[in-house]
Amino acid sequence: MAREISAERPVLIAGPTASGKSALALEIAARQGGVIVNADALQVYDCWRLLTARPSVAEEAAAPHRLYGHVGRDAPYSVGHWLREVAQVIDTGARPIIVGGTGLYFTALTAGLAEIPATPPEIRAEADRIRATQGVQPLLEALDAETRARIDTRNPARIQRAWEVLAATGRGLAAWQDDTAPPLLALDAVEALVIDAPPDRLSPRIDARFDAMMAAGALDEARAALPHWEPGRPSARAIGAPELIAHLRGEMTLAEAVEAAKLATRQYAKRQRTWFRNRLGLWPRRAMP
């Protein structure tokens, strides 16, 4: 697959978790040069290396890597933050090999991102209160019809974000998205691909990788995070972290936590496949290596 990639253009590699994206990026960098840039919303956090499957220390030493593990567990970080940092990498003149599984990052990169004002803390607190006491349904019902039709209504974080935008600005998220700035990298100027990973091949790899994470010390990583654990933080969405934290708190056995984490990973991969199919439909598909 790496031999088919043009050495002249930026490379964008999207795919579900455990599908071999990082290994492909590393091979391209070894053959053609370039800097590997993270496009995974959880691999940015410094508190997780194992549980987010960040590149190893040896892999990071083999090629330049950017935007991995550079954000503190408590720091706010959004697609806007990421896009600005990617722009800085591109401005250095290095050829980027952008790799990850966060579909929203790729759509913002190639289709543009609406410049929505920051959410005031009091509106964020009100959204948190409603979600904690009533669930996301009241937030969803308050949205305008066009925004409801566009967002992933199975994703509570996306629903809350849309509600916050409406409450803070008086305009629906869809209206802001319609006023989108030009993309940082146009799709016709890059080498873009989505790794096609059918469940029957991907699920065993997910399970084996989580077993390898555990053997490498993922439980110790969760134990180090336990004193700082706040389930509402974006960094707490690392798959496997809530399950291992629950085990450390005596709420489930280790075997139950591991099985729950594997199931959550498979469910996440299914959501990723749906996003890529619906939102990256024009991207070429490549079979999972």
C-alpha atoms as a PDB file:
ATOM      1  CA  MET A   1       0.000   0.000   0.000  1.00  0.00           C
ATOM      2  CA  ALA A   2       2.824   2.403   0.847  1.00  0.00           C
ATOM      3  CA  ARG A   3       4.334   1.943  -2.616  1.00  0.00           C
ATOM      4  CA  GLU A   4       1.129   3.253  -4.219  1.00  0.00           C
ATOM      5  CA  ILE A   5       1.280   6.575  -2.355  1.00  0.00           C
ATOM      6  CA  SER A   6       2.634   9.650  -4.138  1.00  0.00           C
ATOM      7  CA  ALA A   7       5.758  11.000  -2.472  1.00  0.00           C
ATOM      8  CA  GLU A   8       4.881  14.559  -3.511  1.00  0.00           C
ATOM      9  CA  ARG A   9       1.595  15.143  -1.711  1.00  0.00           C
ATOM     10  CA  PRO A  10       0.416  15.256   1.906  1.00  0.00           C
ATOM     11  CA  VAL A  11      -1.028  11.926   3.032  1.00  0.00           C
ATOM     12  CA  LEU A  12      -4.238  11.438   5.022  1.00  0.00           C
ATOM     13  CA  ILE A  13      -4.889   7.982   6.514  1.00  0.00           C
ATOM     14  CA  ALA A  14      -8.212   7.357   8.255  1.00  0.00           C
ATOM     15  CA  GLY A  15      -9.471   4.093   9.645  1.00  0.00           C
ATOM     16  CA  PRO A  16     -11.025   2.411  12.661  1.00  0.00           C
ATOM     17  CA  THR A  17      -9.031   1.592  15.733  1.00  0.00           C
ATOM     18  CA  ALA A  18      -6.561  -1.328  15.451  1.00  0.00           C
ATOM     19  CA  SER A  19      -6.716  -1.336  11.637  1.00  0.00           C
ATOM     20  CA  GLY A  20      -2.984  -0.751  11.102  1.00  0.00           C
ATOM     21  CA  LYS A  21      -3.033   3.002  10.375  1.00  0.00           C
ATOM     22  CA  SER A  22       0.021   3.903  12.431  1.00  0.00           C
ATOM     23  CA  ALA A  23       2.122   1.092  10.974  1.00  0.00           C
ATOM     24  CA  LEU A  24       1.230   2.241   7.457  1.00  0.00           C
ATOM     25  CA  ALA A  25       2.142   5.850   8.299  1.00  0.00           C
ATOM     26  CA  LEU A  26       5.476   4.719   9.683  1.00  0.00           C
ATOM     27  CA  GLU A  27       6.213   2.689   6.544  1.00  0.00           C
ATOM     28  CA  ILE A  28       5.392   5.655   4.304  1.00  0.00           C
ATOM     29  CA  ALA A  29       7.650   7.902   6.390  1.00  0.00           C
ATOM     30  CA  ALA A  30      10.478   5.351   6.172  1.00  0.00           C
ATOM     31  CA  ARG A  31      10.146   5.017   2.381  1.00  0.00           C
ATOM     32  CA  GLN A  32       9.418   8.617   1.424  1.00  0.00           C
ATOM     33  CA  GLY A  33      10.116  10.859   4.396  1.00  0.00           C
ATOM     34  CA  GLY A  34       7.646  13.179   6.073  1.00  0.00           C
ATOM     35  CA  VAL A  35       6.348  13.975   9.535  1.00  0.00           C
ATOM     36  CA  ILE A  36       3.614  11.809  11.070  1.00  0.00           C
ATOM     37  CA  VAL A  37       0.818  13.937  12.519  1.00  0.00           C
ATOM     38  CA  ASN A  38      -1.759  12.585  14.952  1.00  0.00           C
ATOM     39  CA  ALA A  39      -5.454  12.827  14.041  1.00  0.00           C
ATOM     40  CA  ASP A  40      -6.841  10.987  17.067  1.00  0.00           C
ATOM     41  CA  ALA A  41      -8.691  13.071  19.657  1.00  0.00           C
ATOM     42  CA  LEU A  42      -7.492  10.945  22.584  1.00  0.00           C
ATOM     43  CA  GLN A  43      -3.875  10.334  21.606  1.00  0.00           C
ATOM     44  CA  VAL A  44      -3.211  14.030  22.260  1.00  0.00           C
ATOM     45  CA  TYR A  45      -3.381  13.502  26.056  1.00  0.00           C
ATOM     46  CA  ASP A  46      -0.178  13.018  28.002  1.00  0.00           C
ATOM     47  CA  CYS A  47      -1.812  10.725  30.587  1.00  0.00           C
ATOM     48  CA  TRP A  48      -2.469   7.918  28.088  1.00  0.00           C
ATOM     49  CA  ARG A  49       0.022   6.085  25.937  1.00  0.00           C
ATOM     50  CA  LEU A  50      -0.999   2.445  26.220  1.00  0.00           C
ATOM     51  CA  LEU A  51      -4.772   2.791  26.422  1.00  0.00           C
ATOM     52  CA  THR A  52      -4.946   5.085  23.379  1.00  0.00           C
ATOM     53  CA  ALA A  53      -2.421   2.977  21.419  1.00  0.00           C
ATOM     54  CA  ARG A  54      -0.097   5.908  20.863  1.00  0.00           C
ATOM     55  CA  PRO A  55       3.078   5.085  18.936  1.00  0.00           C
ATOM     56  CA  SER A  56       5.757   3.564  21.135  1.00  0.00           C
ATOM     57  CA  VAL A  57       8.918   5.389  22.117  1.00  0.00           C
ATOM     58  CA  ALA A  58      10.829   3.343  19.538  1.00  0.00           C
ATOM     59  CA  GLU A  59       8.304   4.189  16.814  1.00  0.00           C
ATOM     60  CA  GLU A  60       8.464   7.874  17.675  1.00  0.00           C
ATOM     61  CA  ALA A  61      12.245   7.702  17.401  1.00  0.00           C
ATOM     62  CA  ALA A  62      12.047   6.107  13.933  1.00  0.00           C
ATOM     63  CA  ALA A  63      10.307   9.108  12.310  1.00  0.00           C
ATOM     64  CA  PRO A  64       9.219  12.608  13.333  1.00  0.00           C
ATOM     65  CA  HIS A  65       5.868  12.565  15.159  1.00  0.00           C
ATOM     66  CA  ARG A  66       3.721  15.579  16.061  1.00  0.00           C
ATOM     67  CA  LEU A  67       0.649  16.212  18.221  1.00  0.00           C
ATOM     68  CA  TYR A  68       0.979  13.074  20.328  1.00  0.00           C
ATOM     69  CA  GLY A  69       0.738  13.234  24.116  1.00  0.00           C
ATOM     70  CA  HIS A  70       1.215  17.001  24.253  1.00  0.00           C
ATOM     71  CA  VAL A  71      -1.985  18.029  26.087  1.00  0.00           C
ATOM     72  CA  GLY A  72      -2.556  17.785  29.841  1.00  0.00           C
ATOM     73  CA  ARG A  73      -5.450  15.701  31.142  1.00  0.00           C
ATOM     74  CA  ASP A  74      -7.333  18.826  32.294  1.00  0.00           C
ATOM     75  CA  ALA A  75      -6.617  21.080  29.326  1.00  0.00           C
ATOM     76  CA  PRO A  76      -9.402  22.044  26.921  1.00  0.00           C
ATOM     77  CA  TYR A  77      -8.771  20.706  23.432  1.00  0.00           C
ATOM     78  CA  SER A  78     -11.044  20.787  20.410  1.00  0.00           C
ATOM     79  CA  VAL A  79     -10.992  20.246  16.679  1.00  0.00           C
ATOM     80  CA  GLY A  80     -10.209  23.958  16.394  1.00  0.00           C
ATOM     81  CA  HIS A  81      -7.100  23.557  18.562  1.00  0.00           C
ATOM     82  CA  TRP A  82      -6.029  20.595  16.472  1.00  0.00           C
ATOM     83  CA  LEU A  83      -6.562  22.347  13.159  1.00  0.00           C
ATOM     84  CA  ARG A  84      -4.461  25.323  14.232  1.00  0.00           C
ATOM     85  CA  GLU A  85      -1.649  23.023  15.319  1.00  0.00           C
ATOM     86  CA  VAL A  86      -1.768  21.091  12.046  1.00  0.00           C
ATOM     87  CA  ALA A  87      -1.504  24.403  10.199  1.00  0.00           C
ATOM     88  CA  GLN A  88       1.676  25.145  12.152  1.00  0.00           C
ATOM     89  CA  VAL A  89       3.156  21.792  11.102  1.00  0.00           C
ATOM     90  CA  ILE A  90       2.286  22.438   7.465  1.00  0.00           C
ATOM     91  CA  ASP A  91       3.799  25.935   7.676  1.00  0.00           C
ATOM     92  CA  THR A  92       7.189  24.387   8.500  1.00  0.00           C
ATOM     93  CA  GLY A  93       7.298  22.983   4.970  1.00  0.00           C
ATOM     94  CA  ALA A  94       7.391  19.376   6.164  1.00  0.00           C
ATOM     95  CA  ARG A  95       5.283  16.899   4.237  1.00  0.00           C
ATOM     96  CA  PRO A  96       2.552  15.762   6.657  1.00  0.00           C
ATOM     97  CA  ILE A  97       1.382  12.171   6.968  1.00  0.00           C
ATOM     98  CA  ILE A  98      -1.802  12.714   8.967  1.00  0.00           C
ATOM     99  CA  VAL A  99      -3.138   9.550  10.555  1.00  0.00           C
ATOM    100  CA  GLY A 100      -5.928   8.749  12.977  1.00  0.00           C
ATOM    101  CA  GLY A 101      -9.462   7.633  13.622  1.00  0.00           C
ATOM    102  CA  THR A 102     -11.244  10.866  14.562  1.00  0.00           C
ATOM    103  CA  GLY A 103     -13.412  11.500  11.526  1.00  0.00           C
ATOM    104  CA  LEU A 104     -14.353  15.037  12.576  1.00  0.00           C
ATOM    105  CA  TYR A 105     -10.698  16.061  12.381  1.00  0.00           C
ATOM    106  CA  PHE A 106     -10.461  14.880   8.793  1.00  0.00           C
ATOM    107  CA  THR A 107     -13.690  16.561   7.684  1.00  0.00           C
ATOM    108  CA  ALA A 108     -12.562  19.826   9.288  1.00  0.00           C
ATOM    109  CA  LEU A 109      -9.177  19.499   7.593  1.00  0.00           C
ATOM    110  CA  THR A 110     -10.521  18.849   4.086  1.00  0.00           C
ATOM    111  CA  ALA A 111     -13.890  20.659   4.176  1.00  0.00           C
ATOM    112  CA  GLY A 112     -13.168  23.551   6.542  1.00  0.00           C
ATOM    113  CA  LEU A 113     -14.229  24.401  10.083  1.00  0.00           C
ATOM    114  CA  ALA A 114     -16.804  26.940  11.211  1.00  0.00           C
ATOM    115  CA  GLU A 115     -15.352  29.599  13.526  1.00  0.00           C
ATOM    116  CA  ILE A 116     -17.828  29.204  16.395  1.00  0.00           C
ATOM    117  CA  PRO A 117     -17.296  31.420  19.479  1.00  0.00           C
ATOM    118  CA  ALA A 118     -16.145  29.672  22.643  1.00  0.00           C
ATOM    119  CA  THR A 119     -18.856  28.435  25.001  1.00  0.00           C
ATOM    120  CA  PRO A 120     -19.150  30.556  28.182  1.00  0.00           C
ATOM    121  CA  PRO A 121     -18.466  28.549  31.357  1.00  0.00           C
ATOM    122  CA  GLU A 122     -21.949  29.170  32.748  1.00  0.00           C
ATOM    123  CA  ILE A 123     -23.600  27.650  29.653  1.00  0.00           C
ATOM    124  CA  ARG A 124     -21.258  24.659  29.787  1.00  0.00           C
ATOM    125  CA  ALA A 125     -22.159  24.213  33.468  1.00  0.00           C
ATOM    126  CA  GLU A 126     -25.886  24.357  32.668  1.00  0.00           C
ATOM    127  CA  ALA A 127     -25.482  21.766  29.917  1.00  0.00           C
ATOM    128  CA  ASP A 128     -23.537  19.529  32.311  1.00  0.00           C
ATOM    129  CA  ARG A 129     -26.307  19.921  34.925  1.00  0.00           C
ATOM    130  CA  ILE A 130     -29.083  19.021  32.483  1.00  0.00           C
ATOM    131  CA  ARG A 131     -27.171  16.056  31.147  1.00  0.00           C
ATOM    132  CA  ALA A 132     -26.361  14.776  34.653  1.00  0.00           C
ATOM    133  CA  THR A 133     -29.910  15.126  35.991  1.00  0.00           C
ATOM    134  CA  GLN A 134     -32.122  14.521  32.933  1.00  0.00           C
ATOM    135  CA  GLY A 135     -29.907  12.918  30.299  1.00  0.00           C
ATOM    136  CA  VAL A 136     -29.327  14.230  26.796  1.00  0.00           C
ATOM    137  CA  GLN A 137     -32.924  14.050  25.558  1.00  0.00           C
ATOM    138  CA  PRO A 138     -33.873  17.605  26.677  1.00  0.00           C
ATOM    139  CA  LEU A 139     -30.726  18.938  24.994  1.00  0.00           C
ATOM    140  CA  LEU A 140     -31.564  17.076  21.788  1.00  0.00           C
ATOM    141  CA  GLU A 141     -35.178  18.263  21.767  1.00  0.00           C
ATOM    142  CA  ALA A 142     -34.050  21.892  22.102  1.00  0.00           C
ATOM    143  CA  LEU A 143     -31.985  21.789  18.894  1.00  0.00           C
ATOM    144  CA  ASP A 144     -33.173  23.167  15.580  1.00  0.00           C
ATOM    145  CA  ALA A 145     -34.310  20.567  13.064  1.00  0.00           C
ATOM    146  CA  GLU A 146     -31.406  21.078  10.662  1.00  0.00           C
ATOM    147  CA  THR A 147     -28.814  20.573  13.366  1.00  0.00           C
ATOM    148  CA  ARG A 148     -30.625  17.481  14.669  1.00  0.00           C
ATOM    149  CA  ALA A 149     -30.530  16.032  11.166  1.00  0.00           C
ATOM    150  CA  ARG A 150     -26.765  16.539  10.838  1.00  0.00           C
ATOM    151  CA  ILE A 151     -25.258  15.488  14.146  1.00  0.00           C
ATOM    152  CA  ASP A 152     -24.702  11.989  15.478  1.00  0.00           C
ATOM    153  CA  THR A 153     -27.687  11.745  17.820  1.00  0.00           C
ATOM    154  CA  ARG A 154     -26.184   8.648  19.460  1.00  0.00           C
ATOM    155  CA  ASN A 155     -23.198  10.678  20.666  1.00  0.00           C
ATOM    156  CA  PRO A 156     -24.048  12.572  23.905  1.00  0.00           C
ATOM    157  CA  ALA A 157     -20.976  14.811  23.603  1.00  0.00           C
ATOM    158  CA  ARG A 158     -22.026  15.954  20.101  1.00  0.00           C
ATOM    159  CA  ILE A 159     -25.581  16.645  21.317  1.00  0.00           C
ATOM    160  CA  GLN A 160     -24.305  18.689  24.250  1.00  0.00           C
ATOM    161  CA  ARG A 161     -21.921  20.644  22.034  1.00  0.00           C
ATOM    162  CA  ALA A 162     -24.741  21.511  19.612  1.00  0.00           C
ATOM    163  CA  TRP A 163     -26.956  22.638  22.494  1.00  0.00           C
ATOM    164  CA  GLU A 164     -24.170  24.812  23.911  1.00  0.00           C
ATOM    165  CA  VAL A 165     -23.615  26.488  20.526  1.00  0.00           C
ATOM    166  CA  LEU A 166     -27.324  27.278  20.207  1.00  0.00           C
ATOM    167  CA  ALA A 167     -27.583  28.543  23.790  1.00  0.00           C
ATOM    168  CA  ALA A 168     -24.439  30.673  23.521  1.00  0.00           C
ATOM    169  CA  THR A 169     -24.947  32.189  20.075  1.00  0.00           C
ATOM    170  CA  GLY A 170     -28.637  31.964  19.263  1.00  0.00           C
ATOM    171  CA  ARG A 171     -27.722  30.150  16.021  1.00  0.00           C
ATOM    172  CA  GLY A 172     -27.861  26.429  15.380  1.00  0.00           C
ATOM    173  CA  LEU A 173     -24.681  24.478  14.791  1.00  0.00           C
ATOM    174  CA  ALA A 174     -25.799  23.723  11.235  1.00  0.00           C
ATOM    175  CA  ALA A 175     -26.013  27.449  10.450  1.00  0.00           C
ATOM    176  CA  TRP A 176     -22.478  27.977  11.747  1.00  0.00           C
ATOM    177  CA  GLN A 177     -21.244  25.050   9.689  1.00  0.00           C
ATOM    178  CA  ASP A 178     -22.758  26.586   6.570  1.00  0.00           C
ATOM    179  CA  ASP A 179     -20.475  29.621   7.093  1.00  0.00           C
ATOM    180  CA  THR A 180     -17.360  27.476   6.941  1.00  0.00           C
ATOM    181  CA  ALA A 181     -13.934  28.836   6.015  1.00  0.00           C
ATOM    182  CA  PRO A 182     -11.944  27.214   3.162  1.00  0.00           C
ATOM    183  CA  PRO A 183     -10.242  23.923   4.047  1.00  0.00           C
ATOM    184  CA  LEU A 184      -6.641  23.759   5.159  1.00  0.00           C
ATOM    185  CA  LEU A 185      -5.986  20.849   2.750  1.00  0.00           C
ATOM    186  CA  ALA A 186      -8.331  20.365  -0.186  1.00  0.00           C
ATOM    187  CA  LEU A 187      -9.124  16.732  -0.885  1.00  0.00           C
ATOM    188  CA  ASP A 188      -7.941  16.966  -4.497  1.00  0.00           C
ATOM    189  CA  ALA A 189      -4.498  18.132  -3.332  1.00  0.00           C
ATOM    190  CA  VAL A 190      -3.706  15.178  -1.051  1.00  0.00           C
ATOM    191  CA  GLU A 191      -3.292  11.411  -1.036  1.00  0.00           C
ATOM    192  CA  ALA A 192      -6.257  10.327   1.085  1.00  0.00           C
ATOM    193  CA  LEU A 193      -7.433   6.848   1.995  1.00  0.00           C
ATOM    194  CA  VAL A 194      -9.683   5.030   4.412  1.00  0.00           C
ATOM    195  CA  ILE A 195      -8.605   1.604   5.631  1.00  0.00           C
ATOM    196  CA  ASP A 196     -11.462  -0.836   5.135  1.00  0.00           C
ATOM    197  CA  ALA A 197     -11.579  -3.082   8.198  1.00  0.00           C
ATOM    198  CA  PRO A 198     -14.432  -5.618   8.216  1.00  0.00           C
ATOM    199  CA  PRO A 199     -15.558  -6.670  11.701  1.00  0.00           C
ATOM    200  CA  ASP A 200     -14.662 -10.337  11.252  1.00  0.00           C
ATOM    201  CA  ARG A 201     -11.023  -9.377  10.704  1.00  0.00           C
ATOM    202  CA  LEU A 202     -10.855  -6.368  13.007  1.00  0.00           C
ATOM    203  CA  SER A 203     -12.485  -7.764  16.157  1.00  0.00           C
ATOM    204  CA  PRO A 204      -9.785 -10.396  16.836  1.00  0.00           C
ATOM    205  CA  ARG A 205      -7.127  -7.711  16.387  1.00  0.00           C
ATOM    206  CA  ILE A 206      -8.939  -5.428  18.838  1.00  0.00           C
ATOM    207  CA  ASP A 207      -9.058  -8.193  21.443  1.00  0.00           C
ATOM    208  CA  ALA A 208      -5.423  -9.165  20.929  1.00  0.00           C
ATOM    209  CA  ARG A 209      -4.280  -5.552  21.116  1.00  0.00           C
ATOM    210  CA  PHE A 210      -6.094  -4.943  24.389  1.00  0.00           C
ATOM    211  CA  ASP A 211      -4.502  -8.078  25.841  1.00  0.00           C
ATOM    212  CA  ALA A 212      -1.124  -6.673  24.749  1.00  0.00           C
ATOM    213  CA  MET A 213      -1.964  -3.338  26.391  1.00  0.00           C
ATOM    214  CA  MET A 214      -2.706  -5.109  29.648  1.00  0.00           C
ATOM    215  CA  ALA A 215       0.525  -7.062  29.453  1.00  0.00           C
ATOM    216  CA  ALA A 216       2.433  -3.823  28.839  1.00  0.00           C
ATOM    217  CA  GLY A 217       1.008  -2.117  31.944  1.00  0.00           C
ATOM    218  CA  ALA A 218      -2.335  -0.544  31.037  1.00  0.00           C
ATOM    219  CA  LEU A 219      -3.678  -1.233  34.530  1.00  0.00           C
ATOM    220  CA  ASP A 220      -0.777   0.723  36.028  1.00  0.00           C
ATOM    221  CA  GLU A 221      -1.564   3.577  33.630  1.00  0.00           C
ATOM    222  CA  ALA A 222      -5.149   3.606  34.895  1.00  0.00           C
ATOM    223  CA  ARG A 223      -3.953   3.391  38.505  1.00  0.00           C
ATOM    224  CA  ALA A 224      -1.814   6.495  37.993  1.00  0.00           C
ATOM    225  CA  ALA A 225      -4.877   8.313  36.632  1.00  0.00           C
ATOM    226  CA  LEU A 226      -7.177   7.222  39.486  1.00  0.00           C
ATOM    227  CA  PRO A 227      -6.397  10.116  41.901  1.00  0.00           C
ATOM    228  CA  HIS A 228      -7.183  12.628  39.140  1.00  0.00           C
ATOM    229  CA  TRP A 229     -10.178  10.826  37.630  1.00  0.00           C
ATOM    230  CA  GLU A 230     -13.076  13.012  36.482  1.00  0.00           C
ATOM    231  CA  PRO A 231     -15.432  11.092  34.183  1.00  0.00           C
ATOM    232  CA  GLY A 232     -16.710  14.278  32.539  1.00  0.00           C
ATOM    233  CA  ARG A 233     -13.339  15.275  31.126  1.00  0.00           C
ATOM    234  CA  PRO A 234     -12.695  14.648  27.424  1.00  0.00           C
ATOM    235  CA  SER A 235      -9.516  12.768  28.373  1.00  0.00           C
ATOM    236  CA  ALA A 236     -11.648  10.291  30.352  1.00  0.00           C
ATOM    237  CA  ARG A 237     -13.158   8.984  27.105  1.00  0.00           C
ATOM    238  CA  ALA A 238     -10.078   6.841  26.421  1.00  0.00           C
ATOM    239  CA  ILE A 239     -11.570   3.414  25.775  1.00  0.00           C
ATOM    240  CA  GLY A 240     -10.613   1.031  28.537  1.00  0.00           C
ATOM    241  CA  ALA A 241      -9.978   3.782  31.058  1.00  0.00           C
ATOM    242  CA  PRO A 242     -13.500   3.885  32.619  1.00  0.00           C
ATOM    243  CA  GLU A 243     -13.574   0.102  32.784  1.00  0.00           C
ATOM    244  CA  LEU A 244     -10.170  -0.238  34.453  1.00  0.00           C
ATOM    245  CA  ILE A 245     -10.969   2.627  36.832  1.00  0.00           C
ATOM    246  CA  ALA A 246     -14.178   0.791  37.784  1.00  0.00           C
ATOM    247  CA  HIS A 247     -12.110  -2.312  38.543  1.00  0.00           C
ATOM    248  CA  LEU A 248      -9.659  -0.318  40.666  1.00  0.00           C
ATOM    249  CA  ARG A 249     -12.620   1.048  42.621  1.00  0.00           C
ATOM    250  CA  GLY A 250     -13.862  -2.472  43.289  1.00  0.00           C
ATOM    251  CA  GLU A 251     -16.896  -2.157  41.048  1.00  0.00           C
ATOM    252  CA  MET A 252     -16.035  -5.104  38.764  1.00  0.00           C
ATOM    253  CA  THR A 253     -13.454  -7.841  38.473  1.00  0.00           C
ATOM    254  CA  LEU A 254     -10.424  -7.400  36.254  1.00  0.00           C
ATOM    255  CA  ALA A 255     -11.757 -10.004  33.817  1.00  0.00           C
ATOM    256  CA  GLU A 256     -15.085  -8.151  33.606  1.00  0.00           C
ATOM    257  CA  ALA A 257     -13.279  -4.845  33.046  1.00  0.00           C
ATOM    258  CA  VAL A 258     -11.147  -6.282  30.254  1.00  0.00           C
ATOM    259  CA  GLU A 259     -14.137  -7.830  28.503  1.00  0.00           C
ATOM    260  CA  ALA A 260     -16.131  -4.580  28.836  1.00  0.00           C
ATOM    261  CA  ALA A 261     -13.223  -2.597  27.394  1.00  0.00           C
ATOM    262  CA  LYS A 262     -12.922  -4.944  24.426  1.00  0.00           C
ATOM    263  CA  LEU A 263     -16.655  -4.655  23.773  1.00  0.00           C
ATOM    264  CA  ALA A 264     -16.492  -0.851  24.006  1.00  0.00           C
ATOM    265  CA  THR A 265     -13.610  -0.833  21.520  1.00  0.00           C
ATOM    266  CA  ARG A 266     -15.537  -2.965  19.035  1.00  0.00           C
ATOM    267  CA  GLN A 267     -18.550  -0.676  19.391  1.00  0.00           C
ATOM    268  CA  TYR A 268     -16.321   2.367  18.828  1.00  0.00           C
ATOM    269  CA  ALA A 269     -14.876   0.782  15.683  1.00  0.00           C
ATOM    270  CA  LYS A 270     -18.424   0.272  14.390  1.00  0.00           C
ATOM    271  CA  ARG A 271     -19.196   3.977  14.941  1.00  0.00           C
ATOM    272  CA  GLN A 272     -15.979   4.905  13.143  1.00  0.00           C
ATOM    273  CA  ARG A 273     -16.883   2.743  10.145  1.00  0.00           C
ATOM    274  CA  THR A 274     -20.297   4.425   9.989  1.00  0.00           C
ATOM    275  CA  TRP A 275     -18.736   7.905  10.081  1.00  0.00           C
ATOM    276  CA  PHE A 276     -16.211   7.083   7.375  1.00  0.00           C
ATOM    277  CA  ARG A 277     -18.904   5.576   5.171  1.00  0.00           C
ATOM    278  CA  ASN A 278     -21.247   8.553   5.582  1.00  0.00           C
ATOM    279  CA  ARG A 279     -18.805  11.470   5.777  1.00  0.00           C
ATOM    280  CA  LEU A 280     -15.707  10.294   3.906  1.00  0.00           C
ATOM    281  CA  GLY A 281     -17.579   8.610   1.093  1.00  0.00           C
ATOM    282  CA  LEU A 282     -15.373  10.143  -1.615  1.00  0.00           C
ATOM    283  CA  TRP A 283     -12.137   8.859  -0.088  1.00  0.00           C
ATOM    284  CA  PRO A 284     -10.523   5.803  -1.725  1.00  0.00           C
ATOM    285  CA  ARG A 285     -10.781   2.576   0.298  1.00  0.00           C
ATOM    286  CA  ARG A 286      -7.863   0.249   0.924  1.00  0.00           C
ATOM    287  CA  ALA A 287      -8.038  -3.236   2.418  1.00  0.00           C
ATOM    288  CA  MET A 288      -6.738  -3.608   5.935  1.00  0.00           C
ATOM    289  CA  PRO A 289      -3.119  -4.858   5.859  1.00  0.00           C
END
